[in-house]
C-alpha atoms as a PDB file:
ATOM      1  CA  THR A   1      12.196 123.814  41.327  1.00  0.00           C
ATOM      2  CA  ASP A   2       9.048 122.358  42.594  1.00  0.00           C
ATOM      3  CA  LYS A   3       6.178 123.677  40.680  1.00  0.00           C
ATOM      4  CA  PRO A   4       2.781 122.500  41.670  1.00  0.00           C
ATOM      5  CA  LEU A   5       0.751 120.911  38.935  1.00  0.00           C
ATOM      6  CA  PRO A   6      -2.352 122.750  37.867  1.00  0.00           C
ATOM      7  CA  ASP A   7      -5.549 121.625  39.448  1.00  0.00           C
ATOM      8  CA  PRO A   8      -7.434 119.802  36.681  1.00  0.00           C
ATOM      9  CA  GLY A   9     -10.809 120.687  38.144  1.00  0.00           C
ATOM     10  CA  GLY A  10      -9.980 124.323  38.911  1.00  0.00           C
ATOM     11  CA  GLN A  11      -9.329 125.614  35.393  1.00  0.00           C
ATOM     12  CA  ARG A  12     -11.972 125.176  32.786  1.00  0.00           C
ATOM     13  CA  ARG A  13     -12.069 126.386  29.261  1.00  0.00           C
ATOM     14  CA  PRO A  14     -14.043 129.563  28.855  1.00  0.00           C
ATOM     15  CA  GLY A  15     -17.577 129.048  27.706  1.00  0.00           C
ATOM     16  CA  THR A  16     -18.778 130.084  24.281  1.00  0.00           C
ATOM     17  CA  ALA A  17     -20.714 132.987  25.772  1.00  0.00           C
ATOM     18  CA  GLY A  18     -17.492 135.025  26.087  1.00  0.00           C
ATOM     19  CA  THR A  19     -16.498 134.293  22.493  1.00  0.00           C
ATOM     20  CA  GLU A  20     -19.957 135.159  21.233  1.00  0.00           C
ATOM     21  CA  ALA A  21     -19.967 138.384  23.223  1.00  0.00           C
ATOM     22  CA  ALA A  22     -16.528 139.335  21.857  1.00  0.00           C
ATOM     23  CA  LEU A  23     -17.627 138.631  18.285  1.00  0.00           C
ATOM     24  CA  GLU A  24     -20.839 140.586  18.762  1.00  0.00           C
ATOM     25  CA  THR A  25     -18.917 143.525  20.221  1.00  0.00           C
ATOM     26  CA  ASP A  26     -16.459 143.437  17.303  1.00  0.00           C
ATOM     27  CA  ARG A  27     -19.347 143.373  14.831  1.00  0.00           C
ATOM     28  CA  ARG A  28     -21.039 146.335  16.520  1.00  0.00           C
ATOM     29  CA  ARG A  29     -17.807 148.329  16.541  1.00  0.00           C
ATOM     30  CA  ALA A  30     -17.190 147.532  12.876  1.00  0.00           C
ATOM     31  CA  SER A  31     -20.763 148.477  12.038  1.00  0.00           C
ATOM     32  CA  GLU A  32     -20.392 151.789  13.866  1.00  0.00           C
ATOM     33  CA  ARG A  33     -17.072 152.516  12.106  1.00  0.00           C
ATOM     34  CA  LEU A  34     -18.701 151.729   8.752  1.00  0.00           C
ATOM     35  CA  ARG A  35     -21.612 154.069   9.521  1.00  0.00           C
ATOM     36  CA  GLN A  36     -19.194 156.861  10.508  1.00  0.00           C
ATOM     37  CA  ALA A  37     -17.094 156.294   7.382  1.00  0.00           C
ATOM     38  CA  GLN A  38     -20.193 156.434   5.172  1.00  0.00           C
ATOM     39  CA  GLN A  39     -21.322 159.641   6.859  1.00  0.00           C
ATOM     40  CA  ALA A  40     -17.872 161.194   6.388  1.00  0.00           C
ATOM     41  CA  GLU A  41     -17.888 160.130   2.728  1.00  0.00           C
ATOM     42  CA  ARG A  42     -21.329 161.701   2.176  1.00  0.00           C
ATOM     43  CA  ALA A  43     -20.180 164.938   3.822  1.00  0.00           C
ATOM     44  CA  TYR A  44     -17.018 165.011   1.681  1.00  0.00           C
ATOM     45  CA  LYS A  45     -18.947 164.415  -1.541  1.00  0.00           C
ATOM     46  CA  ALA A  46     -21.545 167.041  -0.618  1.00  0.00           C
ATOM     47  CA  ALA A  47     -18.852 169.650   0.088  1.00  0.00           C
ATOM     48  CA  LYS A  48     -17.025 168.825  -3.139  1.00  0.00           C
ATOM     49  CA  ARG A  49     -20.195 168.988  -5.252  1.00  0.00           C
ATOM     50  CA  SER A  50     -21.256 172.194  -3.528  1.00  0.00           C
ATOM     51  CA  ALA A  51     -17.948 173.856  -4.409  1.00  0.00           C
ATOM     52  CA  THR A  52     -18.290 172.715  -8.029  1.00  0.00           C
ATOM     53  CA  ALA A  53     -21.879 173.981  -8.179  1.00  0.00           C
ATOM     54  CA  HIS A  54     -20.857 177.403  -6.822  1.00  0.00           C
ATOM     55  CA  ALA A  55     -18.085 177.676  -9.423  1.00  0.00           C
ATOM     56  CA  ASN A  56     -20.466 176.649 -12.231  1.00  0.00           C
ATOM     57  CA  PHE A  57     -23.074 179.148 -11.030  1.00  0.00           C
ATOM     58  CA  SER A  58     -20.545 181.995 -11.047  1.00  0.00           C
ATOM     59  CA  GLU A  59     -19.337 181.073 -14.518  1.00  0.00           C
ATOM     60  CA  ALA A  60     -22.919 180.800 -15.815  1.00  0.00           C
ATOM     61  CA  ARG A  61     -23.722 184.271 -14.455  1.00  0.00           C
ATOM     62  CA  VAL A  62     -20.746 185.711 -16.324  1.00  0.00           C
ATOM     63  CA  HIS A  63     -21.784 183.978 -19.557  1.00  0.00           C
ATOM     64  CA  PHE A  64     -25.399 185.120 -19.275  1.00  0.00           C
ATOM     65  CA  ARG A  65     -24.272 188.687 -18.604  1.00  0.00           C
ATOM     66  CA  GLN A  66     -22.083 188.581 -21.724  1.00  0.00           C
ATOM     67  CA  ALA A  67     -24.930 187.016 -23.691  1.00  0.00           C
ATOM     68  CA  GLY A  68     -27.185 189.918 -22.693  1.00  0.00           C
ATOM     69  CA  HIS A  69     -24.617 192.452 -23.888  1.00  0.00           C
ATOM     70  CA  HIS A  70     -24.106 190.556 -27.138  1.00  0.00           C
ATOM     71  CA  LEU A  71     -27.853 190.244 -27.717  1.00  0.00           C
ATOM     72  CA  ARG A  72     -28.395 193.980 -27.248  1.00  0.00           C
ATOM     73  CA  ARG A  73     -25.475 194.758 -29.575  1.00  0.00           C
ATOM     74  CA  GLY A  74     -26.757 192.288 -32.178  1.00  0.00           C
ATOM     75  CA  VAL A  75     -30.269 193.749 -32.097  1.00  0.00           C
ATOM     76  CA  SER A  76     -29.000 197.314 -32.470  1.00  0.00           C
ATOM     77  CA  LEU A  77     -26.754 196.313 -35.389  1.00  0.00           C
ATOM     78  CA  THR A  78     -29.631 194.442 -37.022  1.00  0.00           C
ATOM     79  CA  PHE A  79     -31.801 197.566 -36.863  1.00  0.00           C
ATOM     80  CA  SER A  80     -28.943 199.547 -38.378  1.00  0.00           C
ATOM     81  CA  VAL A  81     -28.694 197.040 -41.229  1.00  0.00           C
ATOM     82  CA  VAL A  82     -32.458 197.122 -41.816  1.00  0.00           C
ATOM     83  CA  ARG A  83     -32.379 200.930 -41.946  1.00  0.00           C
ATOM     84  CA  ASN A  84     -29.566 200.809 -44.497  1.00  0.00           C
ATOM     85  CA  VAL A  85     -30.924 198.055 -46.775  1.00  0.00           C
ATOM     86  CA  PRO A  86     -31.728 200.532 -49.585  1.00  0.00           C
ATOM     87  CA  TYR A  87     -28.094 201.677 -49.621  1.00  0.00           C
ATOM     88  CA  ILE A  88     -26.870 198.090 -49.692  1.00  0.00           C
ATOM     89  CA  LEU A  89     -29.158 197.293 -52.632  1.00  0.00           C
ATOM     90  CA  ARG A  90     -28.136 200.469 -54.443  1.00  0.00           C
ATOM     91  CA  GLY A  91     -24.462 199.551 -54.003  1.00  0.00           C
ATOM     92  CA  LYS A  92     -25.038 196.068 -55.410  1.00  0.00           C
ATOM     93  CA  ARG A  93     -26.976 197.482 -58.359  1.00  0.00           C
ATOM     94  CA  ASP A  94     -24.199 199.953 -59.138  1.00  0.00           C
ATOM     95  CA  HIS A  95     -21.610 197.187 -58.874  1.00  0.00           C
ATOM     96  CA  ARG A  96     -23.564 195.051 -61.364  1.00  0.00           C
ATOM     97  CA  ARG A  97     -23.933 197.990 -63.757  1.00  0.00           C
ATOM     98  CA  ASN A  98     -20.199 198.719 -63.615  1.00  0.00           C
ATOM     99  CA  LYS A  99     -19.384 195.083 -64.232  1.00  0.00           C
ATOM    100  CA  ALA A 100     -21.815 194.882 -67.155  1.00  0.00           C
ATOM    101  CA  GLY A 101     -20.403 198.082 -68.633  1.00  0.00           C
ATOM    102  CA  GLU A 102     -16.840 196.734 -68.466  1.00  0.00           C
ATOM    103  CA  ALA A 103     -17.934 193.510 -70.141  1.00  0.00           C
ATOM    104  CA  GLU A 104     -19.435 195.470 -73.067  1.00  0.00           C
ATOM    105  CA  GLY A 105     -16.217 197.393 -73.510  1.00  0.00           C
ATOM    106  CA  GLN A 106     -17.517 200.646 -72.166  1.00  0.00           C
ATOM    107  CA  PRO A 107     -15.447 202.482 -69.635  1.00  0.00           C
ATOM    108  CA  ALA A 108     -16.456 201.752 -66.095  1.00  0.00           C
ATOM    109  CA  LEU A 109     -18.785 204.288 -64.587  1.00  0.00           C
ATOM    110  CA  THR A 110     -17.354 206.317 -61.850  1.00  0.00           C
ATOM    111  CA  LYS A 111     -19.068 206.139 -58.542  1.00  0.00           C
ATOM    112  CA  ARG A 112     -22.296 207.945 -58.982  1.00  0.00           C
ATOM    113  CA  VAL A 113     -23.557 210.265 -56.303  1.00  0.00           C
ATOM    114  CA  SER A 114     -27.318 210.210 -56.076  1.00  0.00           C
ATOM    115  CA  PRO A 115     -29.150 213.409 -55.226  1.00  0.00           C
ATOM    116  CA  ASP A 116     -30.672 211.914 -52.080  1.00  0.00           C
ATOM    117  CA  ASP A 117     -27.277 211.039 -50.531  1.00  0.00           C
END
């Protein structure tokens, strides 16, 4: 097998320009991939946070609606209590009188019916 020897002057090592160009191209590709990955990450986070915000908004609406109902009910009950304060005080007074009467040895008073009831 006669193989001719390579021509020493015919083949040269590639210049550094090719290596530099390859490195620059690799860097640009990597930079572009990084930019795309960052954009995809931002889009993912935005979608995730948006879904969470929508869920929180819906839950807050439900709570505020319930709070409105509870506030109205509380106000109406408070007015009812204010209207009936004299009866509450009368009941406490009667309870104290009954207790005092039992302590003195007198028979407990039966529940008294006032004429204005």
